[in-house]
Amino acid sequence: MTKAINLWSFVFSLLCVCLTFIAFAHPSLLSLNFYVAIVVFLVGIIGFFGVHNWKSALRSVLTIIFSALLIIVTGWIILVGNLFS
């Protein structure tokens, strides 16, 4: 089960990256992307328990890095956007 969580959290982190580029055209999706990135980050941490080889370890690390960067970037955009509005 944790192996599947590891794989799907990686897939959803890649989808969040794509959603970030779409959100630049449609700013209403930024908050959705922020919340999904938080969930993917937490699920990615749970996915560390499914590490059996170097490939799954790399997937887990990349999932955590991608989702953490997305949380920081979208959180910054939302915070600065609210300050200027």
Protein backbone atom coordinates (compact mmCIF):
# COMPACT_ATOMS: atom_id res chain seq x y z
CA MET A 1 0.00 0.00 0.00
CA THR A 2 2.76 2.46 0.86
CA LYS A 3 4.44 1.68 -2.47
CA ALA A 4 1.28 2.81 -4.26
CA ILE A 5 1.12 5.93 -2.08
CA ASN A 6 4.73 6.67 -2.99
CA LEU A 7 4.03 6.36 -6.72
CA TRP A 8 0.77 8.32 -6.71
CA SER A 9 2.13 11.13 -4.59
CA PHE A 10 4.90 11.55 -7.17
CA VAL A 11 2.37 11.60 -10.00
CA PHE A 12 0.24 14.18 -8.21
CA SER A 13 3.27 16.34 -7.47
CA LEU A 14 4.02 16.44 -11.21
CA LEU A 15 0.38 17.32 -11.87
CA CYS A 16 0.66 20.14 -9.32
CA VAL A 17 3.65 21.51 -11.20
CA CYS A 18 1.59 21.52 -14.41
CA LEU A 19 -1.32 23.10 -12.55
CA THR A 20 1.00 25.88 -11.38
CA PHE A 21 1.71 26.90 -14.95
CA ILE A 22 -2.01 26.80 -15.74
CA ALA A 23 -2.72 28.84 -12.59
CA PHE A 24 -0.58 31.70 -13.89
CA ALA A 25 -3.18 32.11 -16.66
CA HIS A 26 -6.13 31.56 -14.28
CA PRO A 27 -5.23 33.00 -10.86
CA SER A 28 -8.31 31.54 -9.20
CA LEU A 29 -6.60 28.12 -9.31
CA LEU A 30 -3.70 29.24 -7.12
CA SER A 31 -5.43 28.50 -3.83
CA LEU A 32 -6.50 25.08 -5.12
CA ASN A 33 -2.92 24.37 -6.15
CA PHE A 34 -1.69 25.50 -2.72
CA TYR A 35 -4.00 23.15 -0.84
CA VAL A 36 -3.32 20.22 -3.17
CA ALA A 37 0.42 20.77 -2.76
CA ILE A 38 0.04 20.63 1.03
CA VAL A 39 -1.86 17.35 0.79
CA VAL A 40 0.70 15.92 -1.65
CA PHE A 41 3.51 16.99 0.70
CA LEU A 42 1.91 15.15 3.62
CA VAL A 43 1.16 12.08 1.53
CA GLY A 44 4.73 12.19 0.19
CA ILE A 45 6.03 12.02 3.76
CA ILE A 46 3.83 8.97 4.33
CA GLY A 47 5.25 7.56 1.08
CA PHE A 48 8.72 7.40 2.67
CA PHE A 49 7.56 4.25 4.42
CA GLY A 50 7.22 2.59 0.99
CA VAL A 51 10.89 3.00 0.07
CA HIS A 52 12.38 -0.34 -0.98
CA ASN A 53 15.05 0.66 -3.49
CA TRP A 54 16.82 3.71 -4.84
CA LYS A 55 14.09 4.46 -7.41
CA SER A 56 11.35 4.73 -4.81
CA ALA A 57 13.68 6.77 -2.57
CA LEU A 58 14.32 9.17 -5.45
CA ARG A 59 10.57 9.43 -6.10
CA SER A 60 9.93 10.26 -2.45
CA VAL A 61 12.66 12.88 -2.29
CA LEU A 62 11.52 14.50 -5.54
CA THR A 63 7.92 14.49 -4.34
CA ILE A 64 8.89 16.28 -1.14
CA ILE A 65 11.09 18.79 -2.99
CA PHE A 66 8.50 19.56 -5.70
CA SER A 67 5.63 19.93 -3.27
CA ALA A 68 7.64 22.00 -0.78
CA LEU A 69 8.73 24.37 -3.54
CA LEU A 70 5.15 24.64 -4.78
CA ILE A 71 3.93 25.42 -1.27
CA ILE A 72 6.54 28.14 -0.89
CA VAL A 73 5.96 29.67 -4.34
CA THR A 74 2.17 29.61 -4.34
CA GLY A 75 2.04 30.69 -0.70
CA TRP A 76 4.27 33.66 -1.54
CA ILE A 77 2.14 34.57 -4.56
CA ILE A 78 -1.07 34.37 -2.55
CA LEU A 79 0.42 36.36 0.34
CA VAL A 80 1.86 39.11 -1.85
CA GLY A 81 -1.30 39.19 -3.97
CA ASN A 82 -3.43 39.74 -0.87
CA LEU A 83 -1.11 42.48 0.32
CA PHE A 84 -1.49 44.41 -2.93
CA SER A 85 -5.25 43.99 -3.26
